[in-house]
Amino acid sequence: MNVAKIIAAKRDGKILDDADISRLVAGYSDHSVPDYQMSAFAMAVYFQGMTTHETAVFTRCMVDSGERLEWPSDDTVVDKHSTGGIGDKVSIALAPLLACCGGKVPKISGRGLGVTGGTLDKMESITGYRTDLEIDEFRSIVNKNGCSIAGASQNLAPADKRLYALRDVTGTVPSPPLITASILSKKFAEGLDSLILDIKWGSGAFMKTVEQARQLADLMVHVGNEMGVKTSALITDMNQPLGNMIGNSIEINEAIDVLRGVGPADVTQVVLSLASRLLVQSKIHINLTDSENKLHQLIESGEAYNKLAAMVESHGGDLHAKRAVAKKTPLHLTQSGFVEKVHAHQLGLAIIEMGGGRKQIGDPIDHSIGIEFLVRIGDKVEPDKPIANIFCDTSATEHAAELVESSITLCSEPVDSPKLIVEAI
């Protein structure tokens, strides 16, 4: 196999043969193709893209690089995946809700990509929580509790596990074919029957326009259904953070608030919308109204929170233990006006600068840092009211404050809030 020839072909915009894609992924899996060549290939795909068929083949090869989980035929195995956004802690509340309804949720999650936080990093802010599980233990936790949130084992989509980390530090994250292959390879390795996708667009997402998000949603839904998994998607707004909390420990706390019925309205809306659609799609519930009513009951009764606590305990964690949160510093603006825009990307950068995200593979995470973002698009800002609280114990607080301040654009006239759930596909 001439890897350089494959890279050059994609660089020049050519459509790759199935066999070349298969050999490339197999070589990367057995380490005969080094990271620097796969980095070059990822950059070629970033600029030239892939056809739907190429993407499906690439995805299938990523799945075939390892094992697939198998479940009893009478189980309904479901999952959700988000393309990532600032403050997105939906999975943490969603998985136990789905499990309470009778779905099995073998959620394989990832770490932070670019400026967006990773579910695994958030879960590891829970005292004792283990994300690196062997397949048998992962399966056992799912069978016991109905859900588990863990990292991909060495044997599940191993090619994606390496490429996922590589993309984060090579500027190739926002590529529809690479996103599709990465997400769906992990999902298909889980042995799913049904999948729903949360495709985010805006200043805090990888897809900066609705059109880009729609293109990605169409691609992923097409590939997913073609490969035998019932797949649908919601396009949701990420032009401002989801919820108020951005970080690791504080996002866990906010997800718990959702399960206790006191979480932010926007996070709760996305959780319930995704859960109800997935449950109807999987034929667990009859219709969306019935499904949402049952989900509300699970929250009000405390059953959903208890399910999360039981899952955490099975991972060696203690959901009731207090999570570390750094010293709080309020941030004010000197001018007044209405919030016209939020450049959410800046908020993600602020988290990274404070040590809550990674600049390079393997960088440690400070789970205690974060930002409580207190304003929304359309809100009135006054100098006497803080726009955010910054949680940080180091000298990085000042730089982070500058980034948070620069994230807000004010105007003199009231503006409308953006639509949170744009469309279903």
Protein backbone atom coordinates (compact mmCIF):
# COMPACT_ATOMS: atom_id res chain seq x y z
CA MET A 1 0.00 0.00 0.00
CA ASN A 2 1.31 3.42 -0.98
CA VAL A 3 -0.12 5.68 1.73
CA ALA A 4 1.35 8.83 0.19
CA LYS A 5 -0.50 8.06 -3.04
CA ILE A 6 -3.82 7.74 -1.16
CA ILE A 7 -3.18 11.03 0.64
CA ALA A 8 -2.28 12.75 -2.62
CA ALA A 9 -5.41 11.42 -4.34
CA LYS A 10 -7.65 12.85 -1.64
CA ARG A 11 -5.62 16.06 -1.57
CA ASP A 12 -6.40 16.46 -5.26
CA GLY A 13 -10.11 15.86 -4.71
CA LYS A 14 -10.33 12.35 -6.14
CA ILE A 15 -12.83 9.73 -4.96
CA LEU A 16 -11.05 6.89 -3.19
CA ASP A 17 -11.63 3.21 -3.92
CA ASP A 18 -13.20 1.15 -1.13
CA ALA A 19 -10.08 -0.99 -1.02
CA ASP A 20 -7.78 2.01 -0.49
CA ILE A 21 -9.91 3.29 2.38
CA SER A 22 -9.95 -0.18 3.93
CA ARG A 23 -6.18 -0.59 3.65
CA LEU A 24 -5.55 2.88 5.10
CA VAL A 25 -7.71 2.29 8.18
CA ALA A 26 -6.32 -1.23 8.67
CA GLY A 27 -2.79 0.17 8.48
CA TYR A 28 -3.56 2.89 10.98
CA SER A 29 -5.09 0.28 13.29
CA ASP A 30 -1.99 -1.92 13.27
CA HIS A 31 0.33 1.13 13.47
CA SER A 32 1.95 0.51 10.09
CA VAL A 33 0.49 3.89 9.06
CA PRO A 34 1.98 6.51 11.42
CA ASP A 35 0.17 9.48 12.96
CA TYR A 36 1.86 11.99 10.67
CA GLN A 37 0.44 10.30 7.57
CA MET A 38 -3.03 10.01 9.08
CA SER A 39 -2.79 13.69 10.04
CA ALA A 40 -2.06 14.53 6.42
CA PHE A 41 -4.98 12.40 5.28
CA ALA A 42 -7.31 14.08 7.78
CA MET A 43 -6.24 17.51 6.52
CA ALA A 44 -6.86 16.40 2.92
CA VAL A 45 -10.35 15.24 3.89
CA TYR A 46 -10.93 18.51 5.74
CA PHE A 47 -10.31 20.50 2.55
CA GLN A 48 -11.65 18.09 -0.10
CA GLY A 49 -14.40 16.24 1.78
CA MET A 50 -15.73 12.75 1.04
CA THR A 51 -18.75 11.47 -0.83
CA THR A 52 -21.54 9.83 1.17
CA HIS A 53 -20.34 6.43 -0.03
CA GLU A 54 -16.71 7.15 0.92
CA THR A 55 -17.91 8.27 4.34
CA ALA A 56 -19.97 5.10 4.82
CA VAL A 57 -17.02 2.91 3.84
CA PHE A 58 -14.64 4.86 6.10
CA THR A 59 -17.14 4.52 8.97
CA ARG A 60 -17.59 0.78 8.41
CA CYS A 61 -13.83 0.29 8.38
CA MET A 62 -13.48 2.18 11.66
CA VAL A 63 -16.10 -0.14 13.20
CA ASP A 64 -14.40 -3.22 11.74
CA SER A 65 -11.07 -2.17 13.28
CA GLY A 66 -12.31 -3.66 16.57
CA GLU A 67 -15.07 -5.58 18.30
CA ARG A 68 -18.81 -4.89 18.41
CA LEU A 69 -20.96 -5.22 21.50
CA GLU A 70 -23.78 -7.73 21.23
CA TRP A 71 -27.01 -7.68 23.24
CA PRO A 72 -29.99 -10.03 23.65
CA SER A 73 -32.43 -9.71 20.76
CA ASP A 74 -35.25 -8.51 23.02
CA ASP A 75 -33.21 -5.53 24.33
CA THR A 76 -33.84 -2.07 22.88
CA VAL A 77 -30.38 -0.51 22.69
CA VAL A 78 -30.40 3.25 22.19
CA ASP A 79 -28.09 6.23 22.36
CA LYS A 80 -27.71 9.90 21.57
CA HIS A 81 -24.70 11.80 20.36
CA SER A 82 -23.99 15.52 20.19
CA THR A 83 -21.54 17.20 17.86
CA GLY A 84 -20.48 19.25 20.87
CA GLY A 85 -20.99 22.73 22.13
CA ILE A 86 -20.18 25.12 24.96
CA GLY A 87 -21.89 23.97 28.14
CA ASP A 88 -23.38 20.82 26.60
CA LYS A 89 -24.03 18.45 29.49
CA VAL A 90 -27.12 16.81 27.99
CA SER A 91 -25.81 13.22 27.94
CA ILE A 92 -25.33 13.19 31.71
CA ALA A 93 -29.04 13.79 32.31
CA LEU A 94 -30.31 11.97 29.23
CA ALA A 95 -28.76 8.51 29.76
CA PRO A 96 -30.44 7.78 33.12
CA LEU A 97 -33.80 9.03 31.82
CA LEU A 98 -33.64 6.65 28.86
CA ALA A 99 -32.58 3.80 31.13
CA CYS A 100 -35.54 4.45 33.44
CA CYS A 101 -37.83 4.00 30.42
CA GLY A 102 -36.47 0.56 29.58
CA GLY A 103 -33.84 1.45 27.00
CA LYS A 104 -30.30 0.16 27.32
CA VAL A 105 -27.79 2.98 26.90
CA PRO A 106 -24.18 1.85 26.33
CA LYS A 107 -22.87 5.40 25.97
CA ILE A 108 -19.33 5.53 24.66
CA SER A 109 -18.21 9.13 25.01
CA GLY A 110 -15.11 11.16 24.28
CA ARG A 111 -12.90 13.85 25.70
CA GLY A 112 -12.85 17.51 24.77
CA LEU A 113 -12.40 18.43 21.11
CA GLY A 114 -11.27 21.93 20.24
CA VAL A 115 -13.01 24.43 22.51
CA THR A 116 -15.85 22.09 23.46
CA GLY A 117 -15.74 20.07 26.65
CA GLY A 118 -15.81 16.28 26.69
CA THR A 119 -18.32 14.15 28.58
CA LEU A 120 -15.57 11.89 29.92
CA ASP A 121 -13.68 14.86 31.38
CA LYS A 122 -16.88 15.99 33.09
CA MET A 123 -17.65 12.53 34.48
CA GLU A 124 -14.11 12.27 35.88
CA SER A 125 -14.80 15.32 38.05
CA ILE A 126 -16.99 12.95 40.10
CA THR A 127 -14.95 11.48 42.95
CA GLY A 128 -13.77 7.97 42.05
CA TYR A 129 -15.53 7.74 38.69
CA ARG A 130 -13.72 5.45 36.24
CA THR A 131 -14.18 5.95 32.49
CA ASP A 132 -11.67 3.36 31.27
CA LEU A 133 -13.49 0.04 31.44
CA GLU A 134 -12.93 -3.35 29.88
CA ILE A 135 -15.73 -4.44 27.56
CA ASP A 136 -17.07 -7.06 29.98
CA GLU A 137 -17.32 -4.55 32.83
CA PHE A 138 -18.94 -1.96 30.58
CA ARG A 139 -21.51 -4.52 29.43
CA SER A 140 -22.13 -5.63 33.02
CA ILE A 141 -22.84 -2.05 34.18
CA VAL A 142 -25.26 -1.49 31.30
CA ASN A 143 -27.07 -4.74 32.11
CA LYS A 144 -27.26 -3.84 35.81
CA ASN A 145 -28.26 -0.17 35.59
CA GLY A 146 -29.55 0.25 32.04
CA CYS A 147 -26.82 2.76 31.20
CA SER A 148 -23.13 3.45 31.38
CA ILE A 149 -21.02 6.42 30.29
CA ALA A 150 -17.45 5.36 29.51
CA GLY A 151 -14.63 5.77 27.04
CA ALA A 152 -14.12 3.52 24.08
CA SER A 153 -12.15 0.46 25.16
CA GLN A 154 -9.05 -0.52 23.26
CA ASN A 155 -11.14 -3.05 21.36
CA LEU A 156 -14.09 -0.86 20.32
CA ALA A 157 -13.40 1.25 17.22
CA PRO A 158 -9.69 1.48 18.13
CA ALA A 159 -8.83 3.34 14.93
CA ASP A 160 -11.25 6.09 15.85
CA LYS A 161 -9.88 6.37 19.38
CA ARG A 162 -6.46 7.32 17.99
CA LEU A 163 -7.81 9.53 15.22
CA TYR A 164 -10.17 11.32 17.64
CA ALA A 165 -7.24 12.54 19.74
CA LEU A 166 -5.20 13.38 16.65
CA ARG A 167 -7.92 15.59 15.12
CA ASP A 168 -8.14 17.65 18.30
CA VAL A 169 -4.57 18.95 17.90
CA THR A 170 -4.29 19.14 14.10
CA GLY A 171 -7.11 21.56 13.27
CA THR A 172 -9.24 18.92 11.54
CA VAL A 173 -12.18 18.66 13.95
CA PRO A 174 -14.92 20.46 11.92
CA SER A 175 -15.00 18.08 8.94
CA PRO A 176 -18.40 16.46 8.22
CA PRO A 177 -17.00 13.13 6.94
CA LEU A 178 -14.54 12.82 9.85
CA ILE A 179 -17.20 13.80 12.38
CA THR A 180 -19.62 11.30 10.86
CA ALA A 181 -17.14 8.44 10.84
CA SER A 182 -15.94 9.19 14.37
CA ILE A 183 -19.38 9.41 15.92
CA LEU A 184 -21.07 6.60 14.03
CA SER A 185 -18.19 4.14 14.36
CA LYS A 186 -18.41 4.37 18.14
CA LYS A 187 -22.19 4.19 18.03
CA PHE A 188 -22.30 1.15 15.74
CA ALA A 189 -19.66 -0.60 17.85
CA GLU A 190 -22.12 -0.24 20.76
CA GLY A 191 -24.57 -2.53 18.99
CA LEU A 192 -27.36 0.06 18.74
CA ASP A 193 -30.88 -0.36 17.45
CA SER A 194 -31.68 3.35 17.45
CA LEU A 195 -29.73 6.62 17.54
CA ILE A 196 -30.59 10.31 17.75
CA LEU A 197 -28.11 13.05 16.94
CA ASP A 198 -27.89 16.55 18.36
CA ILE A 199 -26.30 18.57 15.56
CA LYS A 200 -25.36 22.00 16.87
CA TRP A 201 -24.76 25.16 14.90
CA GLY A 202 -23.44 28.58 15.84
CA SER A 203 -20.53 30.42 17.38
CA GLY A 204 -19.97 27.72 20.01
CA ALA A 205 -20.28 24.75 17.63
CA PHE A 206 -18.12 23.21 14.92
CA MET A 207 -20.83 23.94 12.36
CA LYS A 208 -21.02 27.73 12.14
CA THR A 209 -24.17 27.97 9.99
CA VAL A 210 -27.53 26.21 9.89
CA GLU A 211 -26.73 25.10 6.35
CA GLN A 212 -23.53 23.37 7.50
CA ALA A 213 -25.41 21.71 10.36
CA ARG A 214 -28.14 20.53 8.00
CA GLN A 215 -25.53 19.12 5.62
CA LEU A 216 -23.90 17.18 8.46
CA ALA A 217 -27.26 15.97 9.81
CA ASP A 218 -28.33 14.76 6.38
CA LEU A 219 -25.03 12.92 5.91
CA MET A 220 -25.11 11.25 9.32
CA VAL A 221 -28.78 10.26 9.14
CA HIS A 222 -28.26 8.82 5.65
CA VAL A 223 -25.16 6.84 6.64
CA GLY A 224 -26.72 5.63 9.89
CA ASN A 225 -29.91 4.34 8.31
CA GLU A 226 -27.97 2.83 5.40
CA MET A 227 -25.96 0.83 7.92
CA GLY A 228 -29.05 -0.56 9.64
CA VAL A 229 -29.47 1.71 12.67
CA LYS A 230 -32.63 3.83 12.98
CA THR A 231 -31.16 7.31 12.94
CA SER A 232 -32.63 10.81 13.22
CA ALA A 233 -31.34 14.23 14.22
CA LEU A 234 -32.25 17.54 15.81
CA ILE A 235 -30.49 20.74 14.81
CA THR A 236 -30.05 22.92 17.89
CA ASP A 237 -28.71 26.41 18.48
CA MET A 238 -25.24 26.94 19.94
CA ASN A 239 -24.84 30.69 19.47
CA GLN A 240 -24.66 30.94 23.24
CA PRO A 241 -23.82 28.42 25.97
CA LEU A 242 -26.30 25.68 26.78
CA GLY A 243 -27.26 26.37 30.37
CA ASN A 244 -25.25 28.66 32.62
CA MET A 245 -22.34 26.45 33.63
CA ILE A 246 -19.26 25.83 31.49
CA GLY A 247 -16.53 23.60 32.88
CA ASN A 248 -16.37 20.12 34.37
CA SER A 249 -17.47 19.90 38.01
CA ILE A 250 -19.98 22.72 37.63
CA GLU A 251 -21.53 21.13 34.54
CA ILE A 252 -22.06 17.90 36.47
CA ASN A 253 -23.81 19.96 39.14
CA GLU A 254 -26.05 21.58 36.54
CA ALA A 255 -26.92 18.23 34.94
CA ILE A 256 -27.95 17.00 38.39
CA ASP A 257 -30.15 20.09 38.73
CA VAL A 258 -31.94 19.03 35.53
CA LEU A 259 -32.65 15.61 37.01
CA ARG A 260 -33.94 17.28 40.16
CA GLY A 261 -36.32 19.47 38.17
CA VAL A 262 -34.51 22.75 38.90
CA GLY A 263 -32.13 22.92 35.94
CA PRO A 264 -31.98 25.66 33.30
CA ALA A 265 -34.95 25.70 30.93
CA ASP A 266 -32.82 25.38 27.78
CA VAL A 267 -30.88 22.31 28.96
CA THR A 268 -34.10 20.69 30.15
CA GLN A 269 -35.81 21.39 26.81
CA VAL A 270 -33.02 19.78 24.79
CA VAL A 271 -32.85 16.76 27.12
CA LEU A 272 -36.59 16.13 26.96
CA SER A 273 -36.84 16.74 23.21
CA LEU A 274 -34.04 14.30 22.39
CA ALA A 275 -35.22 11.69 24.88
CA SER A 276 -38.87 11.75 23.82
CA ARG A 277 -38.03 11.52 20.10
CA LEU A 278 -35.61 8.66 20.63
CA LEU A 279 -38.10 6.74 22.79
CA VAL A 280 -40.84 7.11 20.17
CA GLN A 281 -38.42 6.24 17.36
CA SER A 282 -37.51 3.08 19.29
CA LYS A 283 -41.20 2.24 19.87
CA ILE A 284 -40.75 2.34 23.65
CA HIS A 285 -43.30 5.19 23.88
CA ILE A 286 -46.31 5.81 21.67
CA ASN A 287 -46.03 9.53 20.93
CA LEU A 288 -44.04 12.62 21.90
CA THR A 289 -46.60 14.00 24.34
CA ASP A 290 -46.92 10.71 26.20
CA SER A 291 -43.16 10.36 26.27
CA GLU A 292 -42.49 13.85 27.67
CA ASN A 293 -45.12 13.34 30.37
CA LYS A 294 -43.45 10.12 31.49
CA LEU A 295 -40.04 11.79 31.49
CA HIS A 296 -41.34 14.61 33.69
CA GLN A 297 -42.70 12.00 36.11
CA LEU A 298 -39.29 10.32 36.33
CA ILE A 299 -37.71 13.66 37.22
CA GLU A 300 -40.37 14.62 39.76
CA SER A 301 -40.21 11.26 41.51
CA GLY A 302 -36.42 11.33 41.83
CA GLU A 303 -36.13 8.04 39.93
CA ALA A 304 -33.95 9.56 37.18
CA TYR A 305 -31.50 11.07 39.70
CA ASN A 306 -31.31 7.78 41.59
CA LYS A 307 -30.56 5.98 38.33
CA LEU A 308 -27.62 8.34 37.67
CA ALA A 309 -26.33 7.83 41.22
CA ALA A 310 -26.52 4.04 40.83
CA MET A 311 -24.64 4.17 37.52
CA VAL A 312 -21.95 6.38 39.04
CA GLU A 313 -21.57 3.97 41.96
CA SER A 314 -21.08 1.08 39.52
CA HIS A 315 -18.22 3.07 37.99
CA GLY A 316 -16.59 3.43 41.42
CA GLY A 317 -17.79 6.99 41.90
CA ASP A 318 -19.76 8.88 44.54
CA LEU A 319 -22.29 11.30 43.08
CA HIS A 320 -23.06 12.66 46.56
CA ALA A 321 -19.46 13.69 47.28
CA LYS A 322 -18.80 17.41 46.93
CA ARG A 323 -16.98 18.29 43.72
CA ALA A 324 -14.07 20.74 43.71
CA VAL A 325 -14.98 24.23 42.49
CA ALA A 326 -12.35 26.98 42.36
CA LYS A 327 -12.60 30.46 43.87
CA LYS A 328 -15.34 32.63 42.34
CA THR A 329 -14.57 36.00 40.75
CA PRO A 330 -17.53 38.08 39.48
CA LEU A 331 -17.11 39.86 36.13
CA HIS A 332 -18.88 43.12 35.23
CA LEU A 333 -19.03 45.17 32.06
CA THR A 334 -18.50 48.91 32.29
CA GLN A 335 -21.23 49.71 29.73
CA SER A 336 -24.92 48.90 29.50
CA GLY A 337 -27.01 47.61 26.61
CA PHE A 338 -28.75 44.54 25.26
CA VAL A 339 -26.85 41.34 24.48
CA GLU A 340 -26.91 41.11 20.69
CA LYS A 341 -24.40 38.32 20.17
CA VAL A 342 -22.42 35.84 22.25
CA HIS A 343 -19.17 34.65 20.70
CA ALA A 344 -19.33 31.35 22.55
CA HIS A 345 -16.04 30.19 21.04
CA GLN A 346 -14.29 32.74 23.30
CA LEU A 347 -15.81 31.10 26.35
CA GLY A 348 -14.36 27.75 25.33
CA LEU A 349 -10.96 29.36 24.86
CA ALA A 350 -11.22 30.86 28.34
CA ILE A 351 -11.82 27.40 29.82
CA ILE A 352 -8.74 26.06 28.02
CA GLU A 353 -6.57 28.99 29.16
CA MET A 354 -7.55 28.29 32.78
CA GLY A 355 -6.66 24.59 32.43
CA GLY A 356 -10.12 23.12 32.02
CA GLY A 357 -9.37 21.94 28.49
CA ARG A 358 -6.38 20.72 26.50
CA LYS A 359 -3.93 22.43 24.20
CA GLN A 360 -2.11 19.17 23.46
CA ILE A 361 -2.87 15.46 23.72
CA GLY A 362 -2.38 14.30 27.29
CA ASP A 363 -2.64 17.71 28.98
CA PRO A 364 -4.09 17.34 32.49
CA ILE A 365 -7.54 18.77 33.25
CA ASP A 366 -8.37 21.00 36.21
CA HIS A 367 -11.94 19.96 36.95
CA SER A 368 -12.49 22.78 39.45
CA ILE A 369 -12.34 25.69 37.01
CA GLY A 370 -15.26 27.02 35.05
CA ILE A 371 -17.50 29.90 34.06
CA GLU A 372 -21.03 30.64 35.19
CA PHE A 373 -22.39 32.67 32.28
CA LEU A 374 -25.23 34.80 33.60
CA VAL A 375 -26.66 36.52 30.50
CA ARG A 376 -28.51 35.38 27.40
CA ILE A 377 -29.04 36.94 23.99
CA GLY A 378 -31.67 39.63 24.43
CA ASP A 379 -30.90 40.30 28.12
CA LYS A 380 -30.32 43.83 29.42
CA VAL A 381 -26.82 44.33 30.83
CA GLU A 382 -26.04 46.95 33.50
CA PRO A 383 -22.64 47.74 35.06
CA ASP A 384 -23.92 46.87 38.54
CA LYS A 385 -24.91 43.33 37.55
CA PRO A 386 -22.26 40.66 36.82
CA ILE A 387 -22.31 39.02 33.40
CA ALA A 388 -20.41 35.98 34.65
CA ASN A 389 -18.66 34.34 37.57
CA ILE A 390 -15.23 32.93 36.84
CA PHE A 391 -14.06 29.96 38.91
CA CYS A 392 -10.26 29.88 38.92
CA ASP A 393 -7.49 29.80 41.54
CA THR A 394 -4.60 30.91 39.31
CA SER A 395 -3.28 33.98 37.53
CA ALA A 396 -5.12 32.83 34.39
CA THR A 397 -8.27 34.46 35.81
CA GLU A 398 -7.41 37.85 34.30
CA HIS A 399 -6.87 36.51 30.79
CA ALA A 400 -10.01 34.41 31.05
CA ALA A 401 -11.97 37.49 32.12
CA GLU A 402 -10.78 39.32 29.01
CA LEU A 403 -11.95 36.45 26.81
CA VAL A 404 -15.34 36.30 28.53
CA GLU A 405 -15.78 40.06 28.21
CA SER A 406 -14.87 39.90 24.51
CA SER A 407 -17.49 37.20 23.98
CA ILE A 408 -20.37 39.66 24.38
CA THR A 409 -21.56 42.17 21.80
CA LEU A 410 -24.01 44.79 23.06
CA CYS A 411 -26.49 46.95 21.16
CA SER A 412 -28.85 49.75 22.17
CA GLU A 413 -32.12 48.09 21.08
CA PRO A 414 -33.82 44.89 22.34
CA VAL A 415 -33.18 41.75 20.29
CA ASP A 416 -35.04 38.45 20.04
CA SER A 417 -33.71 35.26 21.55
CA PRO A 418 -32.66 32.62 18.99
CA LYS A 419 -34.76 29.52 18.43
CA LEU A 420 -33.22 26.70 20.45
CA ILE A 421 -34.46 23.67 18.46
CA VAL A 422 -34.28 24.59 14.79
CA GLU A 423 -35.58 21.48 13.04
CA ALA A 424 -35.83 17.71 13.08
CA ILE A 425 -34.34 15.48 10.37
